[in-house]
Amino acid sequence: MNKREVGSIYEQRAADYLIQDGYRILERNFRCKIGEIDLIAKNEGYLCFIEVKYRSSTFRGFPAEAITAGKIRKITKTAEFYMLLHNISQNTPCRFDAVVILEQEISLIKNAFGGL
């Protein structure tokens, strides 16, 4: 399997996990010229932009460590574009969450980083 296929499998696992936790998935793999957001969902009155990170081991570090400042900037700008494209008010409560998967263990980090 290539990286994209592996990513798709773990993004599906993350979506299933979030659904069990009460999230309503709105969109998967939103892509535009600016960047990509793995999952977009609604939860507890928030519009959530969710980054999924998977690692099979800690050899290259923990999954959350892969969410760098540059990645955060790209996700934030992509989220702004998504909201503009879908005519979503800037007053809409938003949150940036992360689903981190290490081997087979899944963890959810709500409000993992600031943004809008």
Protein backbone atom coordinates (compact mmCIF):
# COMPACT_ATOMS: atom_id res chain seq x y z
CA MET A 1 0.00 0.00 0.00
CA ASN A 2 1.16 3.53 -0.72
CA LYS A 3 0.97 6.43 1.76
CA ARG A 4 -2.32 7.73 0.36
CA GLU A 5 -4.01 4.32 0.75
CA VAL A 6 -2.72 3.97 4.31
CA GLY A 7 -3.89 7.52 5.06
CA SER A 8 -7.37 6.75 3.71
CA ILE A 9 -7.68 3.69 5.95
CA TYR A 10 -6.75 5.63 9.08
CA GLU A 11 -8.87 8.63 8.14
CA GLN A 12 -11.83 6.22 7.91
CA ARG A 13 -10.96 4.80 11.33
CA ALA A 14 -10.76 8.35 12.70
CA ALA A 15 -14.16 9.22 11.17
CA ASP A 16 -15.73 6.09 12.69
CA TYR A 17 -14.22 6.98 16.07
CA LEU A 18 -15.57 10.55 15.86
CA ILE A 19 -19.05 9.38 14.86
CA GLN A 20 -19.12 7.15 17.95
CA ASP A 21 -18.13 10.21 19.98
CA GLY A 22 -21.08 12.24 18.66
CA TYR A 23 -19.52 14.05 15.70
CA ARG A 24 -21.47 14.48 12.46
CA ILE A 25 -19.07 14.27 9.53
CA LEU A 26 -19.78 16.91 6.89
CA GLU A 27 -16.86 16.41 4.55
CA ARG A 28 -13.79 14.21 4.07
CA ASN A 29 -10.56 15.29 2.42
CA PHE A 30 -11.57 18.83 1.54
CA ARG A 31 -8.92 20.03 -0.91
CA CYS A 32 -8.28 23.36 -2.53
CA LYS A 33 -5.30 25.26 -3.89
CA ILE A 34 -4.40 26.39 -0.35
CA GLY A 35 -4.31 22.98 1.31
CA GLU A 36 -6.30 20.06 2.65
CA ILE A 37 -8.42 19.31 5.70
CA ASP A 38 -8.84 15.63 6.51
CA LEU A 39 -12.29 15.82 8.12
CA ILE A 40 -14.84 18.56 8.68
CA ALA A 41 -17.59 17.86 11.20
CA LYS A 42 -20.12 19.32 13.61
CA ASN A 43 -19.80 18.65 17.34
CA GLU A 44 -21.27 20.32 20.40
CA GLY A 45 -22.32 23.38 18.38
CA TYR A 46 -18.88 23.78 16.78
CA LEU A 47 -17.77 23.49 13.21
CA CYS A 48 -14.69 21.27 13.61
CA PHE A 49 -11.75 21.08 11.26
CA ILE A 50 -9.94 17.85 12.04
CA GLU A 51 -6.40 16.78 11.26
CA VAL A 52 -5.69 13.03 11.35
CA LYS A 53 -2.15 11.85 12.06
CA TYR A 54 -1.06 8.21 12.10
CA ARG A 55 2.23 6.62 13.07
CA SER A 56 2.97 2.90 13.17
CA SER A 57 5.66 3.54 15.81
CA THR A 58 7.43 6.39 17.57
CA PHE A 59 10.55 5.95 15.42
CA ARG A 60 9.78 9.26 13.64
CA GLY A 61 8.14 10.82 16.70
CA PHE A 62 4.62 10.89 18.04
CA PRO A 63 1.75 11.61 15.64
CA ALA A 64 0.84 14.95 17.25
CA GLU A 65 4.40 16.20 16.70
CA ALA A 66 3.74 16.10 12.95
CA ILE A 67 1.23 18.95 13.30
CA THR A 68 3.76 21.73 12.79
CA ALA A 69 3.28 25.50 12.83
CA GLY A 70 3.35 25.50 9.01
CA LYS A 71 0.70 22.78 8.87
CA ILE A 72 -1.46 24.74 11.32
CA ARG A 73 -1.23 27.87 9.13
CA LYS A 74 -2.26 25.88 6.06
CA ILE A 75 -5.18 24.23 7.85
CA THR A 76 -6.37 27.58 9.21
CA LYS A 77 -6.26 29.26 5.80
CA THR A 78 -7.97 26.27 4.19
CA ALA A 79 -10.69 26.41 6.87
CA GLU A 80 -11.23 30.12 6.15
CA PHE A 81 -11.61 29.32 2.45
CA TYR A 82 -14.03 26.46 3.20
CA MET A 83 -16.20 28.82 5.24
CA LEU A 84 -16.13 31.47 2.51
CA LEU A 85 -16.94 28.90 -0.18
CA HIS A 86 -19.92 27.56 1.81
CA ASN A 87 -21.17 30.99 2.97
CA ILE A 88 -20.59 30.13 6.62
CA SER A 89 -20.60 33.16 8.90
CA GLN A 90 -17.31 34.20 10.50
CA ASN A 91 -19.26 34.26 13.79
CA THR A 92 -19.75 30.49 13.62
CA PRO A 93 -18.02 28.79 16.56
CA CYS A 94 -15.10 26.79 15.14
CA ARG A 95 -12.61 24.41 16.62
CA PHE A 96 -9.50 22.66 15.35
CA ASP A 97 -9.29 19.09 16.59
CA ALA A 98 -6.78 16.33 15.97
CA VAL A 99 -7.17 12.58 15.90
CA VAL A 100 -3.84 10.93 16.58
CA ILE A 101 -3.32 7.24 15.99
CA LEU A 102 -0.24 5.44 17.29
CA GLU A 103 -0.16 1.82 16.20
CA GLN A 104 -3.78 0.85 17.02
CA GLU A 105 -4.47 3.41 19.79
CA ILE A 106 -6.71 6.34 18.84
CA SER A 107 -6.83 9.60 20.79
CA LEU A 108 -8.88 12.74 20.23
CA ILE A 109 -7.44 16.16 21.03
CA LYS A 110 -10.25 18.73 21.07
CA ASN A 111 -9.15 22.28 20.35
CA ALA A 112 -5.69 20.97 19.46
CA PHE A 113 -4.58 24.36 18.14
CA GLY A 114 -5.93 27.87 17.69
CA GLY A 115 -7.02 29.33 14.44
CA LEU A 116 -9.97 31.42 13.31
